Amino acid sequence: FAGLGVRTSAEKDYESLEPWIQWPSVHSGLTAREHNIFR
C-alpha cells in the first residue's frame, strides 16, 4: 500500500468475469474477445 498500486478493469458482462478468462488476458495482452479463451 505504501508503494505504487493501481486498480485494473475487465469486461463489463458478468459471463466474462471469470479468472480463466482474465488471466489469459494478462498473459497475452488481449481482451477476452480477442483471445477467445472462455473455458
PDB file of all heavy atoms in Angstrom:
ATOM      1  N   PHE A   1       0.827  -1.210   0.000  1.00  0.00           N
ATOM      2  CA  PHE A   1       0.000   0.000   0.000  1.00  0.00           C
ATOM      3  C   PHE A   1       0.863   1.262   0.000  1.00  0.00           C
ATOM      4  O   PHE A   1       0.439   2.305  -0.513  1.00  0.00           O
ATOM      5  CB  PHE A   1      -0.929   0.009   1.215  1.00  0.00           C
ATOM      6  CG  PHE A   1      -1.937  -1.113   1.220  1.00  0.00           C
ATOM      7  CD1 PHE A   1      -2.383  -1.670   2.408  1.00  0.00           C
ATOM      8  CD2 PHE A   1      -2.444  -1.615   0.032  1.00  0.00           C
ATOM      9  CE1 PHE A   1      -3.315  -2.694   2.414  1.00  0.00           C
ATOM     10  CE2 PHE A   1      -3.370  -2.640   0.020  1.00  0.00           C
ATOM     11  CZ  PHE A   1      -3.809  -3.184   1.218  1.00  0.00           C
ATOM     12  N   ALA A   2       2.064   1.161   0.573  1.00  0.00           N
ATOM     13  CA  ALA A   2       2.948   2.331   0.629  1.00  0.00           C
ATOM     14  C   ALA A   2       3.612   2.617  -0.713  1.00  0.00           C
ATOM     15  O   ALA A   2       4.110   3.718  -0.938  1.00  0.00           O
ATOM     16  CB  ALA A   2       4.022   2.120   1.701  1.00  0.00           C
ATOM     17  N   GLY A   3       3.629   1.625  -1.614  1.00  0.00           N
ATOM     18  CA  GLY A   3       4.220   1.812  -2.938  1.00  0.00           C
ATOM     19  C   GLY A   3       3.164   2.133  -3.971  1.00  0.00           C
ATOM     20  O   GLY A   3       2.070   2.627  -3.655  1.00  0.00           O
ATOM     21  N   LEU A   4       3.492   1.845  -5.227  1.00  0.00           N
ATOM     22  CA  LEU A   4       2.574   2.160  -6.327  1.00  0.00           C
ATOM     23  C   LEU A   4       1.535   1.048  -6.476  1.00  0.00           C
ATOM     24  O   LEU A   4       1.879  -0.127  -6.620  1.00  0.00           O
ATOM     25  CB  LEU A   4       3.338   2.312  -7.640  1.00  0.00           C
ATOM     26  CG  LEU A   4       2.464   2.557  -8.887  1.00  0.00           C
ATOM     27  CD1 LEU A   4       1.717   3.873  -8.762  1.00  0.00           C
ATOM     28  CD2 LEU A   4       3.300   2.533 -10.159  1.00  0.00           C
ATOM     29  N   GLY A   5       0.282   1.435  -6.446  1.00  0.00           N
ATOM     30  CA  GLY A   5      -0.804   0.498  -6.689  1.00  0.00           C
ATOM     31  C   GLY A   5      -1.839   1.117  -7.611  1.00  0.00           C
ATOM     32  O   GLY A   5      -2.071   2.330  -7.569  1.00  0.00           O
ATOM     33  N   VAL A   6      -2.433   0.301  -8.470  1.00  0.00           N
ATOM     34  CA  VAL A   6      -3.482   0.768  -9.371  1.00  0.00           C
ATOM     35  C   VAL A   6      -4.648  -0.210  -9.308  1.00  0.00           C
ATOM     36  O   VAL A   6      -4.509  -1.358  -8.871  1.00  0.00           O
ATOM     37  CB  VAL A   6      -2.998   0.893 -10.830  1.00  0.00           C
ATOM     38  CG1 VAL A   6      -1.818   1.834 -10.936  1.00  0.00           C
ATOM     39  CG2 VAL A   6      -2.651  -0.477 -11.412  1.00  0.00           C
ATOM     40  N   ARG A   7      -5.793   0.271  -9.755  1.00  0.00           N
ATOM     41  CA  ARG A   7      -6.947  -0.594  -9.952  1.00  0.00           C
ATOM     42  C   ARG A   7      -7.034  -0.925 -11.431  1.00  0.00           C
ATOM     43  O   ARG A   7      -6.859  -0.049 -12.279  1.00  0.00           O
ATOM     44  CB  ARG A   7      -8.234   0.096  -9.481  1.00  0.00           C
ATOM     45  CG  ARG A   7      -8.249   0.350  -7.973  1.00  0.00           C
ATOM     46  CD  ARG A   7      -9.435   1.200  -7.553  1.00  0.00           C
ATOM     47  NE  ARG A   7      -9.308   1.567  -6.144  1.00  0.00           N
ATOM     48  CZ  ARG A   7      -9.881   0.922  -5.133  1.00  0.00           C
ATOM     49  NH1 ARG A   7     -10.669  -0.109  -5.385  1.00  0.00           N
ATOM     50  NH2 ARG A   7      -9.713   1.304  -3.881  1.00  0.00           N
ATOM     51  N   THR A   8      -7.281  -2.197 -11.716  1.00  0.00           N
ATOM     52  CA  THR A   8      -7.441  -2.615 -13.103  1.00  0.00           C
ATOM     53  C   THR A   8      -8.923  -2.846 -13.394  1.00  0.00           C
ATOM     54  O   THR A   8      -9.744  -2.912 -12.478  1.00  0.00           O
ATOM     55  CB  THR A   8      -6.657  -3.904 -13.380  1.00  0.00           C
ATOM     56  OG1 THR A   8      -7.129  -4.953 -12.519  1.00  0.00           O
ATOM     57  CG2 THR A   8      -5.173  -3.693 -13.151  1.00  0.00           C
ATOM     58  N   SER A   9      -9.256  -2.971 -14.658  1.00  0.00           N
ATOM     59  CA  SER A   9     -10.639  -3.221 -15.061  1.00  0.00           C
ATOM     60  C   SER A   9     -10.678  -4.463 -15.946  1.00  0.00           C
ATOM     61  O   SER A   9      -9.647  -4.994 -16.355  1.00  0.00           O
ATOM     62  CB  SER A   9     -11.223  -2.014 -15.802  1.00  0.00           C
ATOM     63  OG  SER A   9     -10.516  -1.799 -17.022  1.00  0.00           O
ATOM     64  N   ALA A  10     -11.884  -4.908 -16.240  1.00  0.00           N
ATOM     65  CA  ALA A  10     -12.064  -6.076 -17.103  1.00  0.00           C
ATOM     66  C   ALA A  10     -13.333  -5.881 -17.913  1.00  0.00           C
ATOM     67  O   ALA A  10     -13.906  -4.780 -17.955  1.00  0.00           O
ATOM     68  CB  ALA A  10     -12.121  -7.352 -16.269  1.00  0.00           C
ATOM     69  N   GLU A  11     -13.797  -6.954 -18.531  1.00  0.00           N
ATOM     70  CA  GLU A  11     -15.017  -6.874 -19.331  1.00  0.00           C
ATOM     71  C   GLU A  11     -16.214  -6.488 -18.463  1.00  0.00           C
ATOM     72  O   GLU A  11     -16.232  -6.723 -17.251  1.00  0.00           O
ATOM     73  CB  GLU A  11     -15.277  -8.223 -20.010  1.00  0.00           C
ATOM     74  CG  GLU A  11     -14.530  -8.421 -21.310  1.00  0.00           C
ATOM     75  CD  GLU A  11     -13.028  -8.502 -21.155  1.00  0.00           C
ATOM     76  OE1 GLU A  11     -12.534  -8.827 -20.063  1.00  0.00           O
ATOM     77  OE2 GLU A  11     -12.320  -8.233 -22.138  1.00  0.00           O
ATOM     78  N   LYS A  12     -17.234  -5.906 -19.083  1.00  0.00           N
ATOM     79  CA  LYS A  12     -18.424  -5.468 -18.359  1.00  0.00           C
ATOM     80  C   LYS A  12     -19.425  -6.590 -18.128  1.00  0.00           C
ATOM     81  O   LYS A  12     -20.133  -6.601 -17.120  1.00  0.00           O
ATOM     82  CB  LYS A  12     -19.119  -4.333 -19.127  1.00  0.00           C
ATOM     83  CG  LYS A  12     -18.246  -3.115 -19.398  1.00  0.00           C
ATOM     84  CD  LYS A  12     -17.852  -2.410 -18.117  1.00  0.00           C
ATOM     85  CE  LYS A  12     -17.052  -1.137 -18.413  1.00  0.00           C
ATOM     86  NZ  LYS A  12     -16.609  -0.460 -17.179  1.00  0.00           N
ATOM     87  N   ASP A  13     -19.522  -7.536 -19.086  1.00  0.00           N
ATOM     88  CA  ASP A  13     -20.520  -8.593 -18.954  1.00  0.00           C
ATOM     89  C   ASP A  13     -20.063  -9.616 -17.923  1.00  0.00           C
ATOM     90  O   ASP A  13     -18.914 -10.063 -17.933  1.00  0.00           O
ATOM     91  CB  ASP A  13     -20.798  -9.264 -20.299  1.00  0.00           C
ATOM     92  CG  ASP A  13     -19.546  -9.875 -20.911  1.00  0.00           C
ATOM     93  OD1 ASP A  13     -18.589  -9.114 -21.146  1.00  0.00           O
ATOM     94  OD2 ASP A  13     -19.537 -11.104 -21.134  1.00  0.00           O
ATOM     95  N   TYR A  14     -20.987 -10.015 -17.047  1.00  0.00           N
ATOM     96  CA  TYR A  14     -20.626 -10.871 -15.924  1.00  0.00           C
ATOM     97  C   TYR A  14     -20.121 -12.233 -16.387  1.00  0.00           C
ATOM     98  O   TYR A  14     -19.271 -12.844 -15.727  1.00  0.00           O
ATOM     99  CB  TYR A  14     -21.831 -11.053 -14.977  1.00  0.00           C
ATOM    100  CG  TYR A  14     -21.438 -11.690 -13.669  1.00  0.00           C
ATOM    101  CD1 TYR A  14     -20.804 -10.935 -12.675  1.00  0.00           C
ATOM    102  CD2 TYR A  14     -21.671 -13.044 -13.424  1.00  0.00           C
ATOM    103  CE1 TYR A  14     -20.417 -11.509 -11.480  1.00  0.00           C
ATOM    104  CE2 TYR A  14     -21.284 -13.626 -12.230  1.00  0.00           C
ATOM    105  CZ  TYR A  14     -20.667 -12.860 -11.260  1.00  0.00           C
ATOM    106  OH  TYR A  14     -20.279 -13.436 -10.070  1.00  0.00           O
ATOM    107  N   GLU A  15     -20.615 -12.723 -17.525  1.00  0.00           N
ATOM    108  CA  GLU A  15     -20.195 -14.032 -18.015  1.00  0.00           C
ATOM    109  C   GLU A  15     -18.696 -14.071 -18.322  1.00  0.00           C
ATOM    110  O   GLU A  15     -18.077 -15.135 -18.295  1.00  0.00           O
ATOM    111  CB  GLU A  15     -20.981 -14.413 -19.270  1.00  0.00           C
ATOM    112  CG  GLU A  15     -22.451 -14.737 -19.028  1.00  0.00           C
ATOM    113  CD  GLU A  15     -23.297 -13.505 -18.723  1.00  0.00           C
ATOM    114  OE1 GLU A  15     -22.836 -12.370 -19.030  1.00  0.00           O
ATOM    115  OE2 GLU A  15     -24.406 -13.659 -18.187  1.00  0.00           O
ATOM    116  N   SER A  16     -18.099 -12.915 -18.607  1.00  0.00           N
ATOM    117  CA  SER A  16     -16.666 -12.861 -18.915  1.00  0.00           C
ATOM    118  C   SER A  16     -15.809 -12.615 -17.684  1.00  0.00           C
ATOM    119  O   SER A  16     -14.578 -12.623 -17.775  1.00  0.00           O
ATOM    120  CB  SER A  16     -16.386 -11.766 -19.957  1.00  0.00           C
ATOM    121  OG  SER A  16     -16.991 -12.078 -21.196  1.00  0.00           O
ATOM    122  N   LEU A  17     -16.460 -12.379 -16.543  1.00  0.00           N
ATOM    123  CA  LEU A  17     -15.708 -12.109 -15.322  1.00  0.00           C
ATOM    124  C   LEU A  17     -15.359 -13.420 -14.620  1.00  0.00           C
ATOM    125  O   LEU A  17     -15.840 -13.717 -13.519  1.00  0.00           O
ATOM    126  CB  LEU A  17     -16.510 -11.190 -14.397  1.00  0.00           C
ATOM    127  CG  LEU A  17     -16.773  -9.784 -14.935  1.00  0.00           C
ATOM    128  CD1 LEU A  17     -17.542  -8.958 -13.922  1.00  0.00           C
ATOM    129  CD2 LEU A  17     -15.459  -9.088 -15.311  1.00  0.00           C
ATOM    130  N   GLU A  18     -14.532 -14.198 -15.286  1.00  0.00           N
ATOM    131  CA  GLU A  18     -14.036 -15.450 -14.739  1.00  0.00           C
ATOM    132  C   GLU A  18     -12.508 -15.417 -14.779  1.00  0.00           C
ATOM    133  O   GLU A  18     -11.915 -14.894 -15.728  1.00  0.00           O
ATOM    134  CB  GLU A  18     -14.536 -16.644 -15.549  1.00  0.00           C
ATOM    135  CG  GLU A  18     -16.039 -16.864 -15.523  1.00  0.00           C
ATOM    136  CD  GLU A  18     -16.546 -17.406 -14.181  1.00  0.00           C
ATOM    137  OE1 GLU A  18     -15.722 -17.580 -13.251  1.00  0.00           O
ATOM    138  OE2 GLU A  18     -17.761 -17.635 -14.064  1.00  0.00           O
ATOM    139  N   PRO A  19     -11.853 -15.964 -13.765  1.00  0.00           N
ATOM    140  CA  PRO A  19     -10.379 -15.892 -13.750  1.00  0.00           C
ATOM    141  C   PRO A  19      -9.729 -16.610 -14.914  1.00  0.00           C
ATOM    142  O   PRO A  19      -8.675 -16.183 -15.392  1.00  0.00           O
ATOM    143  CB  PRO A  19     -10.020 -16.554 -12.403  1.00  0.00           C
ATOM    144  CG  PRO A  19     -11.200 -17.413 -12.067  1.00  0.00           C
ATOM    145  CD  PRO A  19     -12.389 -16.662 -12.591  1.00  0.00           C
ATOM    146  N   TRP A  20     -10.354 -17.703 -15.399  1.00  0.00           N
ATOM    147  CA  TRP A  20      -9.764 -18.427 -16.528  1.00  0.00           C
ATOM    148  C   TRP A  20      -9.918 -17.668 -17.839  1.00  0.00           C
ATOM    149  O   TRP A  20      -9.365 -18.065 -18.847  1.00  0.00           O
ATOM    150  CB  TRP A  20     -10.371 -19.822 -16.644  1.00  0.00           C
ATOM    151  CG  TRP A  20     -11.871 -19.878 -16.618  1.00  0.00           C
ATOM    152  CD1 TRP A  20     -12.725 -19.662 -17.651  1.00  0.00           C
ATOM    153  CD2 TRP A  20     -12.693 -20.179 -15.491  1.00  0.00           C
ATOM    154  NE1 TRP A  20     -14.022 -19.810 -17.254  1.00  0.00           N
ATOM    155  CE2 TRP A  20     -14.036 -20.132 -15.910  1.00  0.00           C
ATOM    156  CE3 TRP A  20     -12.418 -20.496 -14.154  1.00  0.00           C
ATOM    157  CZ2 TRP A  20     -15.113 -20.377 -15.049  1.00  0.00           C
ATOM    158  CZ3 TRP A  20     -13.482 -20.737 -13.300  1.00  0.00           C
ATOM    159  CH2 TRP A  20     -14.803 -20.678 -13.752  1.00  0.00           C
ATOM    160  N   ILE A  21     -10.672 -16.569 -17.816  1.00  0.00           N
ATOM    161  CA  ILE A  21     -10.754 -15.674 -18.976  1.00  0.00           C
ATOM    162  C   ILE A  21      -9.806 -14.497 -18.808  1.00  0.00           C
ATOM    163  O   ILE A  21      -9.129 -14.087 -19.754  1.00  0.00           O
ATOM    164  CB  ILE A  21     -12.201 -15.163 -19.169  1.00  0.00           C
ATOM    165  CG1 ILE A  21     -13.156 -16.332 -19.432  1.00  0.00           C
ATOM    166  CG2 ILE A  21     -12.279 -14.146 -20.300  1.00  0.00           C
ATOM    167  CD1 ILE A  21     -14.617 -15.931 -19.491  1.00  0.00           C
ATOM    168  N   GLN A  22      -9.733 -13.955 -17.600  1.00  0.00           N
ATOM    169  CA  GLN A  22      -8.951 -12.739 -17.380  1.00  0.00           C
ATOM    170  C   GLN A  22      -7.450 -12.994 -17.289  1.00  0.00           C
ATOM    171  O   GLN A  22      -6.653 -12.176 -17.750  1.00  0.00           O
ATOM    172  CB  GLN A  22      -9.446 -12.034 -16.110  1.00  0.00           C
ATOM    173  CG  GLN A  22     -10.901 -11.592 -16.188  1.00  0.00           C
ATOM    174  CD  GLN A  22     -11.180 -10.711 -17.400  1.00  0.00           C
ATOM    175  OE1 GLN A  22     -10.370  -9.856 -17.757  1.00  0.00           O
ATOM    176  NE2 GLN A  22     -12.327 -10.918 -18.043  1.00  0.00           N
ATOM    177  N   TRP A  23      -7.027 -14.138 -16.714  1.00  0.00           N
ATOM    178  CA  TRP A  23      -5.583 -14.379 -16.659  1.00  0.00           C
ATOM    179  C   TRP A  23      -4.970 -14.590 -18.038  1.00  0.00           C
ATOM    180  O   TRP A  23      -3.839 -14.126 -18.291  1.00  0.00           O
ATOM    181  CB  TRP A  23      -5.260 -15.526 -15.704  1.00  0.00           C
ATOM    182  CG  TRP A  23      -5.434 -15.120 -14.268  1.00  0.00           C
ATOM    183  CD1 TRP A  23      -6.361 -15.569 -13.375  1.00  0.00           C
ATOM    184  CD2 TRP A  23      -4.675 -14.122 -13.568  1.00  0.00           C
ATOM    185  NE1 TRP A  23      -6.229 -14.922 -12.162  1.00  0.00           N
ATOM    186  CE2 TRP A  23      -5.205 -14.027 -12.255  1.00  0.00           C
ATOM    187  CE3 TRP A  23      -3.603 -13.298 -13.914  1.00  0.00           C
ATOM    188  CZ2 TRP A  23      -4.687 -13.153 -11.300  1.00  0.00           C
ATOM    189  CZ3 TRP A  23      -3.089 -12.417 -12.965  1.00  0.00           C
ATOM    190  CH2 TRP A  23      -3.627 -12.353 -11.674  1.00  0.00           C
ATOM    191  N   PRO A  24      -5.639 -15.252 -18.968  1.00  0.00           N
ATOM    192  CA  PRO A  24      -5.096 -15.258 -20.329  1.00  0.00           C
ATOM    193  C   PRO A  24      -4.929 -13.861 -20.918  1.00  0.00           C
ATOM    194  O   PRO A  24      -4.040 -13.635 -21.761  1.00  0.00           O
ATOM    195  CB  PRO A  24      -6.115 -16.086 -21.118  1.00  0.00           C
ATOM    196  CG  PRO A  24      -6.639 -17.053 -20.110  1.00  0.00           C
ATOM    197  CD  PRO A  24      -6.733 -16.238 -18.844  1.00  0.00           C
ATOM    198  N   SER A  25      -5.764 -12.904 -20.500  1.00  0.00           N
ATOM    199  CA  SER A  25      -5.568 -11.522 -20.943  1.00  0.00           C
ATOM    200  C   SER A  25      -4.260 -10.966 -20.402  1.00  0.00           C
ATOM    201  O   SER A  25      -3.511 -10.282 -21.113  1.00  0.00           O
ATOM    202  CB  SER A  25      -6.741 -10.645 -20.474  1.00  0.00           C
ATOM    203  OG  SER A  25      -7.908 -10.903 -21.223  1.00  0.00           O
ATOM    204  N   VAL A  26      -3.957 -11.261 -19.138  1.00  0.00           N
ATOM    205  CA  VAL A  26      -2.682 -10.827 -18.557  1.00  0.00           C
ATOM    206  C   VAL A  26      -1.520 -11.470 -19.301  1.00  0.00           C
ATOM    207  O   VAL A  26      -0.510 -10.816 -19.595  1.00  0.00           O
ATOM    208  CB  VAL A  26      -2.627 -11.194 -17.056  1.00  0.00           C
ATOM    209  CG1 VAL A  26      -1.254 -10.866 -16.473  1.00  0.00           C
ATOM    210  CG2 VAL A  26      -3.723 -10.464 -16.279  1.00  0.00           C
ATOM    211  N   HIS A  27      -1.650 -12.736 -19.623  1.00  0.00           N
ATOM    212  CA  HIS A  27      -0.547 -13.472 -20.241  1.00  0.00           C
ATOM    213  C   HIS A  27      -0.360 -13.145 -21.720  1.00  0.00           C
ATOM    214  O   HIS A  27       0.727 -13.360 -22.260  1.00  0.00           O
ATOM    215  CB  HIS A  27      -0.780 -14.983 -20.102  1.00  0.00           C
ATOM    216  CG  HIS A  27      -0.933 -15.434 -18.684  1.00  0.00           C
ATOM    217  ND1 HIS A  27      -1.668 -16.540 -18.319  1.00  0.00           N
ATOM    218  CD2 HIS A  27      -0.446 -14.907 -17.526  1.00  0.00           C
ATOM    219  CE1 HIS A  27      -1.626 -16.689 -17.005  1.00  0.00           C
ATOM    220  NE2 HIS A  27      -0.899 -15.715 -16.504  1.00  0.00           N
ATOM    221  N   SER A  28      -1.408 -12.636 -22.375  1.00  0.00           N
ATOM    222  CA  SER A  28      -1.333 -12.404 -23.824  1.00  0.00           C
ATOM    223  C   SER A  28      -1.425 -10.939 -24.232  1.00  0.00           C
ATOM    224  O   SER A  28      -1.092 -10.594 -25.371  1.00  0.00           O
ATOM    225  CB  SER A  28      -2.461 -13.169 -24.529  1.00  0.00           C
ATOM    226  OG  SER A  28      -3.730 -12.600 -24.200  1.00  0.00           O
ATOM    227  N   GLY A  29      -1.943 -10.078 -23.356  1.00  0.00           N
ATOM    228  CA  GLY A  29      -2.143  -8.684 -23.721  1.00  0.00           C
ATOM    229  C   GLY A  29      -3.380  -8.455 -24.569  1.00  0.00           C
ATOM    230  O   GLY A  29      -3.501  -7.415 -25.229  1.00  0.00           O
ATOM    231  N   LEU A  30      -4.326  -9.396 -24.543  1.00  0.00           N
ATOM    232  CA  LEU A  30      -5.528  -9.321 -25.368  1.00  0.00           C
ATOM    233  C   LEU A  30      -6.779  -9.341 -24.500  1.00  0.00           C
ATOM    234  O   LEU A  30      -6.792  -9.933 -23.420  1.00  0.00           O
ATOM    235  CB  LEU A  30      -5.569 -10.502 -26.347  1.00  0.00           C
ATOM    236  CG  LEU A  30      -4.371 -10.654 -27.285  1.00  0.00           C
ATOM    237  CD1 LEU A  30      -4.471 -11.948 -28.069  1.00  0.00           C
ATOM    238  CD2 LEU A  30      -4.273  -9.460 -28.228  1.00  0.00           C
ATOM    239  N   THR A  31      -7.836  -8.715 -24.975  1.00  0.00           N
ATOM    240  CA  THR A  31      -9.110  -8.784 -24.287  1.00  0.00           C
ATOM    241  C   THR A  31      -9.724 -10.175 -24.470  1.00  0.00           C
ATOM    242  O   THR A  31      -9.254 -10.978 -25.281  1.00  0.00           O
ATOM    243  CB  THR A  31     -10.097  -7.736 -24.828  1.00  0.00           C
ATOM    244  OG1 THR A  31     -10.394  -8.055 -26.200  1.00  0.00           O
ATOM    245  CG2 THR A  31      -9.511  -6.334 -24.736  1.00  0.00           C
ATOM    246  N   ALA A  32     -10.792 -10.439 -23.733  1.00  0.00           N
ATOM    247  CA  ALA A  32     -11.460 -11.735 -23.849  1.00  0.00           C
ATOM    248  C   ALA A  32     -11.920 -11.984 -25.284  1.00  0.00           C
ATOM    249  O   ALA A  32     -11.758 -13.088 -25.818  1.00  0.00           O
ATOM    250  CB  ALA A  32     -12.641 -11.797 -22.879  1.00  0.00           C
ATOM    251  N   ARG A  33     -12.498 -10.975 -25.913  1.00  0.00           N
ATOM    252  CA  ARG A  33     -12.978 -11.144 -27.283  1.00  0.00           C
ATOM    253  C   ARG A  33     -11.826 -11.405 -28.240  1.00  0.00           C
ATOM    254  O   ARG A  33     -11.970 -12.158 -29.212  1.00  0.00           O
ATOM    255  CB  ARG A  33     -13.753  -9.900 -27.721  1.00  0.00           C
ATOM    256  CG  ARG A  33     -14.292  -9.979 -29.139  1.00  0.00           C
ATOM    257  CD  ARG A  33     -15.166  -8.791 -29.461  1.00  0.00           C
ATOM    258  NE  ARG A  33     -16.384  -8.777 -28.668  1.00  0.00           N
ATOM    259  CZ  ARG A  33     -17.338  -7.855 -28.765  1.00  0.00           C
ATOM    260  NH1 ARG A  33     -17.209  -6.867 -29.640  1.00  0.00           N
ATOM    261  NH2 ARG A  33     -18.406  -7.920 -28.001  1.00  0.00           N
ATOM    262  N   GLU A  34     -10.666 -10.829 -27.959  1.00  0.00           N
ATOM    263  CA  GLU A  34      -9.519 -11.004 -28.855  1.00  0.00           C
ATOM    264  C   GLU A  34      -8.852 -12.363 -28.686  1.00  0.00           C
ATOM    265  O   GLU A  34      -8.471 -12.995 -29.666  1.00  0.00           O
ATOM    266  CB  GLU A  34      -8.495  -9.889 -28.606  1.00  0.00           C
ATOM    267  CG  GLU A  34      -8.983  -8.514 -29.075  1.00  0.00           C
ATOM    268  CD  GLU A  34      -8.104  -7.377 -28.577  1.00  0.00           C
ATOM    269  OE1 GLU A  34      -7.403  -7.566 -27.550  1.00  0.00           O
ATOM    270  OE2 GLU A  34      -8.123  -6.297 -29.188  1.00  0.00           O
ATOM    271  N   HIS A  35      -8.707 -12.831 -27.444  1.00  0.00           N
ATOM    272  CA  HIS A  35      -8.047 -14.137 -27.278  1.00  0.00           C
ATOM    273  C   HIS A  35      -9.028 -15.302 -27.378  1.00  0.00           C
ATOM    274  O   HIS A  35      -8.635 -16.438 -27.638  1.00  0.00           O
ATOM    275  CB  HIS A  35      -7.217 -14.209 -26.001  1.00  0.00           C
ATOM    276  CG  HIS A  35      -7.963 -14.078 -24.703  1.00  0.00           C
ATOM    277  ND1 HIS A  35      -9.000 -14.917 -24.327  1.00  0.00           N
ATOM    278  CD2 HIS A  35      -7.780 -13.218 -23.654  1.00  0.00           C
ATOM    279  CE1 HIS A  35      -9.418 -14.593 -23.114  1.00  0.00           C
ATOM    280  NE2 HIS A  35      -8.721 -13.557 -22.702  1.00  0.00           N
ATOM    281  N   ASN A  36     -10.313 -15.046 -27.159  1.00  0.00           N
ATOM    282  CA  ASN A  36     -11.367 -16.044 -27.375  1.00  0.00           C
ATOM    283  C   ASN A  36     -11.173 -17.307 -26.526  1.00  0.00           C
ATOM    284  O   ASN A  36     -11.506 -18.415 -26.942  1.00  0.00           O
ATOM    285  CB  ASN A  36     -11.441 -16.428 -28.857  1.00  0.00           C
ATOM    286  CG  ASN A  36     -12.782 -17.055 -29.223  1.00  0.00           C
ATOM    287  OD1 ASN A  36     -13.817 -16.677 -28.678  1.00  0.00           O
ATOM    288  ND2 ASN A  36     -12.770 -18.015 -30.130  1.00  0.00           N
ATOM    289  N   ILE A  37     -10.655 -17.124 -25.318  1.00  0.00           N
ATOM    290  CA  ILE A  37     -10.483 -18.234 -24.377  1.00  0.00           C
ATOM    291  C   ILE A  37     -11.517 -18.046 -23.269  1.00  0.00           C
ATOM    292  O   ILE A  37     -11.396 -17.128 -22.450  1.00  0.00           O
ATOM    293  CB  ILE A  37      -9.061 -18.263 -23.795  1.00  0.00           C
ATOM    294  CG1 ILE A  37      -8.044 -18.491 -24.909  1.00  0.00           C
ATOM    295  CG2 ILE A  37      -8.924 -19.341 -22.719  1.00  0.00           C
ATOM    296  CD1 ILE A  37      -6.606 -18.310 -24.474  1.00  0.00           C
ATOM    297  N   PHE A  38     -12.523 -18.909 -23.252  1.00  0.00           N
ATOM    298  CA  PHE A  38     -13.635 -18.702 -22.329  1.00  0.00           C
ATOM    299  C   PHE A  38     -13.866 -19.861 -21.364  1.00  0.00           C
ATOM    300  O   PHE A  38     -14.772 -19.804 -20.539  1.00  0.00           O
ATOM    301  CB  PHE A  38     -14.923 -18.435 -23.117  1.00  0.00           C
ATOM    302  CG  PHE A  38     -14.912 -17.113 -23.826  1.00  0.00           C
ATOM    303  CD1 PHE A  38     -14.631 -17.030 -25.182  1.00  0.00           C
ATOM    304  CD2 PHE A  38     -15.157 -15.936 -23.137  1.00  0.00           C
ATOM    305  CE1 PHE A  38     -14.610 -15.805 -25.844  1.00  0.00           C
ATOM    306  CE2 PHE A  38     -15.129 -14.704 -23.781  1.00  0.00           C
ATOM    307  CZ  PHE A  38     -14.868 -14.642 -25.135  1.00  0.00           C
ATOM    308  N   ARG A  39     -13.066 -20.913 -21.468  1.00  0.00           N
ATOM    309  CA  ARG A  39     -13.216 -22.048 -20.558  1.00  0.00           C
ATOM    310  C   ARG A  39     -11.846 -22.481 -20.049  1.00  0.00           C
ATOM    311  O   ARG A  39     -10.825 -22.303 -20.723  1.00  0.00           O
ATOM    312  CB  ARG A  39     -13.891 -23.237 -21.269  1.00  0.00           C
ATOM    313  CG  ARG A  39     -15.276 -22.937 -21.812  1.00  0.00           C
ATOM    314  CD  ARG A  39     -16.289 -22.674 -20.730  1.00  0.00           C
ATOM    315  NE  ARG A  39     -17.644 -22.552 -21.263  1.00  0.00           N
ATOM    316  CZ  ARG A  39     -18.711 -22.227 -20.529  1.00  0.00           C
ATOM    317  NH1 ARG A  39     -18.577 -21.987 -19.239  1.00  0.00           N
ATOM    318  NH2 ARG A  39     -19.914 -22.138 -21.085  1.00  0.00           N
TER     319      ARG A  39
END
